[in-house]
Amino acid sequence: MNWGESNPPRSPDRADENKQVCPYLGLRDDPQLRYSFPETLNCCHRVRRPQRVALDHQGEVCLAGTYQTACPVYSTGWKGPLPKELRGVEHQARSAWATAGLVIGGLALVIIMAVVFVYFKWPAGLAGFAGNDQTTPTEGPVSLSESTLSGTPALLFSATPAATLTQVLPSPTLTLAPQGSPTPSQTATLGTPTPGPLENTPFGPNGRYVVHKVKDGEMMETIATLYHTSPTVLKAINGLKPEAGFWPGQMAVVAVGESDPNNVFPMQAVWLAQPMRVDVLAAKYATSVDELRSVNGLGPGDTVPGGRWIVARKQ
């Protein structure tokens, strides 16, 4: 049961606990491998061309054993690309213009440094280039100052070269401004966001709940001891049968310090990759807005921001 982050070859007689993971979920270049938890590198191979899958869809459908009924791509024999609402974030390569700007800027900086080095290293030679090949004779012995004999470059520094350097230096980083910054209109439509936890971060009333990712080989008794609860409570809050256990990579809901299984009800951990309204979440998981706010300790905002975990009643 503990196979880590890779899965065995897909075959009709694979273990029962592995059947809850969609057989079409795998890495882009190797459909036989996949992460056993929501990960941006997991791709759907059911569609015409492998595409990344949204993290919330992975956690709720692909890895939760509901792909046979809850996934439109799997259940309907989808032929086209992955639906827009199920797509994950694709990594964008650096544009050719940005790369060219960095190369040109680097070459310009090297040229400027070479000119400055020659100017201060051989000032007499540069003076000859400027046409100063005639000297004015002087009468009597010529006295050389101490600074001339010692070659101290202090007299060669002036404000002019510094001003030239600041004008010539390129600034290619101006072309690398981040893309997709939110506009005022987008912020207004999202409403007031509420803060949210990541993995192993207590939340809810008095930090009652924690979302814990089960490690390879980790026992249920170990998790219970870590959070001062019991295996019975863990099974009750995660809706597991008495003989069932956790599988590696599963995001388990933990009631910290709880010893009575009658004080909890079956819940599930939900990863929000994108912002979502509280009322939409409540309708999706067949619960009330008040219960969703209470168990997650949500603030008064009407939108839960993306990039966080929440817990909801498990049906």
Protein backbone atom coordinates (compact mmCIF):
# COMPACT_ATOMS: atom_id res chain seq x y z
CA MET A 1 0.00 0.00 0.00
CA ASN A 2 2.93 2.36 0.58
CA TRP A 3 4.19 3.09 -2.93
CA GLY A 4 5.46 6.68 -2.33
CA GLU A 5 5.13 9.21 -5.13
CA SER A 6 5.13 6.74 -8.06
CA ASN A 7 2.46 4.19 -9.01
CA PRO A 8 2.95 0.64 -10.37
CA PRO A 9 2.04 -0.07 -14.04
CA ARG A 10 -1.68 0.12 -14.66
CA SER A 11 -3.05 -3.44 -14.82
CA PRO A 12 -6.45 -5.02 -14.12
CA ASP A 13 -5.25 -6.71 -10.91
CA ARG A 14 -3.70 -3.66 -9.16
CA ALA A 15 -4.38 -3.17 -5.43
CA ASP A 16 -7.89 -2.07 -4.41
CA GLU A 17 -6.64 1.01 -2.59
CA ASN A 18 -4.88 2.21 -5.77
CA LYS A 19 -8.13 2.02 -7.77
CA GLN A 20 -9.33 5.21 -6.13
CA VAL A 21 -6.72 7.12 -8.15
CA CYS A 22 -7.67 7.89 -11.76
CA PRO A 23 -5.62 5.61 -14.09
CA TYR A 24 -5.26 8.48 -16.59
CA LEU A 25 -3.45 10.74 -14.10
CA GLY A 26 0.32 10.80 -14.69
CA LEU A 27 3.31 12.94 -15.55
CA ARG A 28 3.38 14.61 -18.97
CA ASP A 29 6.24 12.44 -20.32
CA ASP A 30 5.47 9.26 -18.34
CA PRO A 31 1.81 8.32 -17.78
CA GLN A 32 2.88 5.47 -15.49
CA LEU A 33 4.22 7.91 -12.86
CA ARG A 34 2.29 10.50 -10.84
CA TYR A 35 2.33 12.36 -7.55
CA SER A 36 -0.06 10.82 -5.02
CA PHE A 37 -1.14 14.24 -3.77
CA PRO A 38 -2.30 17.41 -5.63
CA GLU A 39 0.71 18.60 -7.65
CA THR A 40 1.02 20.94 -10.64
CA LEU A 41 3.07 18.33 -12.58
CA ASN A 42 0.19 15.80 -12.62
CA CYS A 43 -1.43 15.67 -16.10
CA CYS A 44 -4.57 14.11 -17.58
CA HIS A 45 -3.84 11.54 -20.34
CA ARG A 46 -7.52 10.93 -21.11
CA VAL A 47 -7.68 14.01 -23.33
CA ARG A 48 -6.22 14.39 -26.82
CA ARG A 49 -2.98 15.97 -25.56
CA PRO A 50 -1.77 15.57 -21.92
CA GLN A 51 -2.62 18.70 -19.93
CA ARG A 52 -2.02 19.79 -16.33
CA VAL A 53 -4.98 19.32 -13.98
CA ALA A 54 -6.20 21.94 -11.48
CA LEU A 55 -5.12 21.12 -7.92
CA ASP A 56 -8.63 21.25 -6.47
CA HIS A 57 -9.91 18.84 -9.13
CA GLN A 58 -7.04 16.44 -8.34
CA GLY A 59 -7.79 16.51 -4.62
CA GLU A 60 -11.56 16.18 -4.99
CA VAL A 61 -11.84 13.83 -7.99
CA CYS A 62 -8.64 12.34 -9.50
CA LEU A 63 -7.08 11.22 -6.19
CA ALA A 64 -10.27 10.79 -4.17
CA GLY A 65 -11.78 7.82 -6.00
CA THR A 66 -14.69 9.81 -7.50
CA TYR A 67 -13.34 10.14 -11.04
CA GLN A 68 -15.78 7.51 -12.38
CA THR A 69 -18.80 9.69 -11.60
CA ALA A 70 -17.56 13.20 -10.86
CA CYS A 71 -15.10 13.68 -13.75
CA PRO A 72 -16.77 14.66 -17.05
CA VAL A 73 -13.61 13.81 -18.99
CA TYR A 74 -13.45 10.23 -17.69
CA SER A 75 -17.15 9.38 -17.66
CA THR A 76 -18.15 10.77 -21.09
CA GLY A 77 -15.20 9.65 -23.24
CA TRP A 78 -13.99 13.20 -23.77
CA LYS A 79 -12.29 13.73 -27.17
CA GLY A 80 -11.11 17.32 -27.07
CA PRO A 81 -8.69 19.23 -24.83
CA LEU A 82 -9.20 19.44 -21.07
CA PRO A 83 -12.11 21.77 -20.14
CA LYS A 84 -10.94 25.23 -19.16
CA GLU A 85 -12.26 24.98 -15.59
CA LEU A 86 -10.25 21.79 -14.98
CA ARG A 87 -6.93 22.97 -16.40
CA GLY A 88 -3.92 23.55 -14.17
CA VAL A 89 -1.33 26.29 -14.46
CA GLU A 90 1.11 25.82 -17.37
CA HIS A 91 4.67 27.08 -16.84
CA GLN A 92 5.56 29.78 -19.34
CA ALA A 93 9.01 29.92 -20.89
CA ARG A 94 10.98 33.14 -20.94
CA SER A 95 10.17 35.12 -24.07
CA ALA A 96 12.79 35.51 -26.82
CA TRP A 97 12.68 39.31 -26.45
CA ALA A 98 13.48 39.11 -22.72
CA THR A 99 16.41 36.76 -23.42
CA ALA A 100 17.73 39.01 -26.18
CA GLY A 101 17.50 42.03 -23.87
CA LEU A 102 19.56 40.29 -21.21
CA VAL A 103 22.22 39.26 -23.76
CA ILE A 104 22.47 42.75 -25.27
CA GLY A 105 22.60 44.37 -21.83
CA GLY A 106 25.39 42.02 -20.75
CA LEU A 107 27.46 42.74 -23.86
CA ALA A 108 27.03 46.49 -23.41
CA LEU A 109 28.16 46.26 -19.80
CA VAL A 110 31.30 44.30 -20.82
CA ILE A 111 32.17 46.92 -23.47
CA ILE A 112 31.75 49.80 -21.00
CA MET A 113 33.94 48.07 -18.40
CA ALA A 114 36.64 47.48 -21.06
CA VAL A 115 36.59 51.17 -22.10
CA VAL A 116 36.84 52.34 -18.50
CA PHE A 117 39.73 49.92 -17.83
CA VAL A 118 41.68 51.17 -20.86
CA TYR A 119 40.96 54.81 -19.98
CA PHE A 120 42.38 54.54 -16.45
CA LYS A 121 45.13 52.04 -17.26
CA TRP A 122 46.69 53.86 -20.21
CA PRO A 123 45.63 57.55 -20.10
CA ALA A 124 48.64 58.62 -22.16
CA GLY A 125 47.68 56.30 -25.00
CA LEU A 126 44.14 57.67 -25.05
CA ALA A 127 45.52 61.19 -25.15
CA GLY A 128 47.49 60.19 -28.27
CA PHE A 129 44.32 58.95 -29.92
CA ALA A 130 42.74 62.33 -29.31
CA GLY A 131 45.40 64.00 -31.57
CA ASN A 132 47.76 65.26 -28.87
CA ASP A 133 50.93 64.27 -30.78
CA GLN A 134 52.67 67.68 -30.48
CA THR A 135 54.24 69.00 -27.32
CA THR A 136 55.05 72.53 -26.37
CA PRO A 137 58.77 72.99 -25.55
CA THR A 138 59.57 74.52 -22.25
CA GLU A 139 62.66 76.38 -21.16
CA GLY A 140 64.78 75.09 -18.37
CA PRO A 141 64.63 71.79 -16.58
CA VAL A 142 61.29 70.07 -16.35
CA SER A 143 60.13 69.18 -12.82
CA LEU A 144 57.77 66.27 -12.33
CA SER A 145 55.28 66.37 -9.54
CA GLU A 146 55.11 63.55 -7.01
CA SER A 147 51.71 62.47 -8.21
CA THR A 148 52.99 62.15 -11.82
CA LEU A 149 55.97 60.01 -10.78
CA SER A 150 53.96 57.69 -8.59
CA GLY A 151 51.25 57.15 -11.24
CA THR A 152 48.48 57.87 -8.78
CA PRO A 153 45.21 57.92 -10.76
CA ALA A 154 43.57 60.38 -8.37
CA LEU A 155 44.07 63.28 -10.84
CA LEU A 156 42.47 61.25 -13.65
CA PHE A 157 39.10 60.80 -11.96
CA SER A 158 36.49 63.41 -12.74
CA ALA A 159 32.75 63.72 -12.76
CA THR A 160 32.63 63.36 -16.54
CA PRO A 161 33.33 59.58 -16.86
CA ALA A 162 30.90 58.81 -14.02
CA ALA A 163 28.16 60.80 -15.74
CA THR A 164 28.87 58.96 -19.00
CA LEU A 165 28.63 55.57 -17.30
CA THR A 166 25.26 56.25 -15.74
CA GLN A 167 23.87 57.35 -19.10
CA VAL A 168 25.19 54.41 -21.14
CA LEU A 169 24.39 51.53 -18.75
CA PRO A 170 21.41 49.56 -20.09
CA SER A 171 18.49 48.45 -17.97
CA PRO A 172 17.15 45.28 -19.62
CA THR A 173 15.25 44.25 -16.48
CA LEU A 174 12.55 46.76 -17.35
CA THR A 175 11.20 44.25 -19.89
CA LEU A 176 10.77 41.52 -17.26
CA ALA A 177 7.81 43.05 -15.41
CA PRO A 178 5.47 40.35 -13.97
CA GLN A 179 2.42 39.48 -16.01
CA GLY A 180 -1.20 39.23 -14.99
CA SER A 181 -1.33 41.63 -12.05
CA PRO A 182 -4.93 42.08 -10.86
CA THR A 183 -6.86 45.13 -11.96
CA PRO A 184 -9.07 47.20 -9.62
CA SER A 185 -12.18 45.75 -11.28
CA GLN A 186 -11.04 42.16 -10.59
CA THR A 187 -10.38 42.94 -6.94
CA ALA A 188 -13.84 44.44 -6.58
CA THR A 189 -15.56 41.30 -7.95
CA LEU A 190 -13.72 38.95 -5.57
CA GLY A 191 -14.98 40.61 -2.43
CA THR A 192 -13.17 40.70 0.90
CA PRO A 193 -10.80 37.70 1.21
CA THR A 194 -10.38 35.70 4.41
CA PRO A 195 -7.01 34.29 5.59
CA GLY A 196 -6.34 30.59 5.29
CA PRO A 197 -3.91 27.86 6.37
CA LEU A 198 -1.48 25.64 4.55
CA GLU A 199 -0.50 22.10 5.50
CA ASN A 200 -0.02 21.43 9.25
CA THR A 201 -1.34 24.89 10.14
CA PRO A 202 -4.01 24.89 12.93
CA PHE A 203 -7.24 26.66 12.01
CA GLY A 204 -10.88 26.81 13.02
CA PRO A 205 -12.12 27.72 16.51
CA ASN A 206 -9.15 27.71 18.92
CA GLY A 207 -6.98 25.99 16.29
CA ARG A 208 -9.14 22.86 16.49
CA TYR A 209 -8.37 21.41 13.03
CA VAL A 210 -5.22 20.57 11.06
CA VAL A 211 -4.76 19.16 7.55
CA HIS A 212 -1.98 16.53 7.70
CA LYS A 213 -0.36 14.88 4.65
CA VAL A 214 0.26 11.20 5.39
CA LYS A 215 3.88 10.21 4.76
CA ASP A 216 5.05 6.94 3.26
CA GLY A 217 5.08 4.32 6.04
CA GLU A 218 3.45 6.62 8.62
CA MET A 219 1.09 4.78 11.00
CA MET A 220 -2.28 6.09 12.15
CA GLU A 221 -1.17 5.69 15.77
CA THR A 222 1.81 7.95 15.05
CA ILE A 223 -0.44 10.69 13.67
CA ALA A 224 -2.82 10.36 16.61
CA THR A 225 0.03 10.72 19.12
CA LEU A 226 1.44 13.71 17.25
CA TYR A 227 -1.84 15.65 17.57
CA HIS A 228 -2.95 14.31 21.00
CA THR A 229 -5.97 12.42 19.64
CA SER A 230 -6.80 8.75 18.95
CA PRO A 231 -7.04 6.47 15.89
CA THR A 232 -10.76 6.09 16.57
CA VAL A 233 -11.30 9.85 16.32
CA LEU A 234 -9.15 10.02 13.18
CA LYS A 235 -11.27 7.36 11.48
CA ALA A 236 -14.51 9.04 12.58
CA ILE A 237 -13.58 12.52 11.33
CA ASN A 238 -12.22 11.19 8.02
CA GLY A 239 -15.23 8.91 7.41
CA LEU A 240 -13.17 5.70 7.39
CA LYS A 241 -14.42 2.22 8.15
CA PRO A 242 -13.04 0.56 11.33
CA GLU A 243 -10.74 -1.72 9.31
CA ALA A 244 -9.54 1.02 6.90
CA GLY A 245 -6.44 3.17 7.16
CA PHE A 246 -4.68 6.09 5.47
CA TRP A 247 -2.77 5.84 2.21
CA PRO A 248 0.50 7.72 1.50
CA GLY A 249 -0.05 11.26 0.27
CA GLN A 250 -3.62 11.45 1.63
CA MET A 251 -4.60 14.76 3.20
CA ALA A 252 -6.16 13.71 6.52
CA VAL A 253 -8.35 15.95 8.68
CA VAL A 254 -7.27 15.98 12.34
CA ALA A 255 -9.20 17.26 15.35
CA VAL A 256 -6.38 18.39 17.64
CA GLY A 257 -6.69 17.14 21.22
CA GLU A 258 -10.06 15.41 20.65
CA SER A 259 -10.57 12.07 22.44
CA ASP A 260 -14.32 11.44 21.90
CA PRO A 261 -15.37 10.34 18.38
CA ASN A 262 -18.94 11.47 19.14
CA ASN A 263 -17.77 15.10 19.10
CA VAL A 264 -16.77 15.03 15.40
CA PHE A 265 -18.49 14.26 12.10
CA PRO A 266 -17.06 13.02 8.76
CA MET A 267 -15.09 15.76 7.02
CA GLN A 268 -12.85 16.11 3.99
CA ALA A 269 -9.89 18.37 3.23
CA VAL A 270 -10.40 20.59 0.15
CA TRP A 271 -7.55 22.43 -1.58
CA LEU A 272 -8.58 25.78 -3.07
CA ALA A 273 -6.30 26.63 -5.96
CA GLN A 274 -8.43 29.65 -6.93
CA PRO A 275 -10.51 32.12 -4.87
CA MET A 276 -14.09 30.97 -4.27
CA ARG A 277 -17.12 32.52 -2.62
CA VAL A 278 -18.23 31.06 0.71
CA ASP A 279 -21.82 30.52 -0.44
CA VAL A 280 -20.65 28.65 -3.55
CA LEU A 281 -18.46 26.36 -1.39
CA ALA A 282 -21.33 25.70 0.99
CA ALA A 283 -23.65 24.71 -1.88
CA LYS A 284 -20.99 22.52 -3.49
CA TYR A 285 -20.44 20.47 -0.32
CA ALA A 286 -24.09 20.39 0.79
CA THR A 287 -23.56 22.34 4.00
CA SER A 288 -24.59 25.70 5.39
CA VAL A 289 -22.59 28.92 5.15
CA ASP A 290 -22.63 29.23 8.96
CA GLU A 291 -21.19 25.71 9.45
CA LEU A 292 -18.50 26.31 6.82
CA ARG A 293 -17.48 29.57 8.49
CA SER A 294 -17.54 27.99 11.96
CA VAL A 295 -15.43 24.87 11.34
CA ASN A 296 -12.85 26.78 9.28
CA GLY A 297 -12.76 29.91 11.42
CA LEU A 298 -13.45 32.09 8.38
CA GLY A 299 -13.66 35.83 8.84
CA PRO A 300 -16.48 38.08 7.66
CA GLY A 301 -15.23 38.17 4.06
CA ASP A 302 -17.47 36.71 1.35
CA THR A 303 -14.56 35.13 -0.59
CA VAL A 304 -12.02 32.51 0.49
CA PRO A 305 -8.67 33.18 -1.26
CA GLY A 306 -6.89 30.51 -3.27
CA GLY A 307 -3.78 28.63 -2.18
CA ARG A 308 -5.16 27.25 1.10
CA TRP A 309 -6.95 24.27 2.71
CA ILE A 310 -10.47 24.19 4.10
CA VAL A 311 -12.51 21.36 5.60
CA ALA A 312 -16.10 20.59 4.64
CA ARG A 313 -18.72 18.03 5.63
CA LYS A 314 -18.16 14.69 3.89
CA GLN A 315 -21.30 13.29 2.30
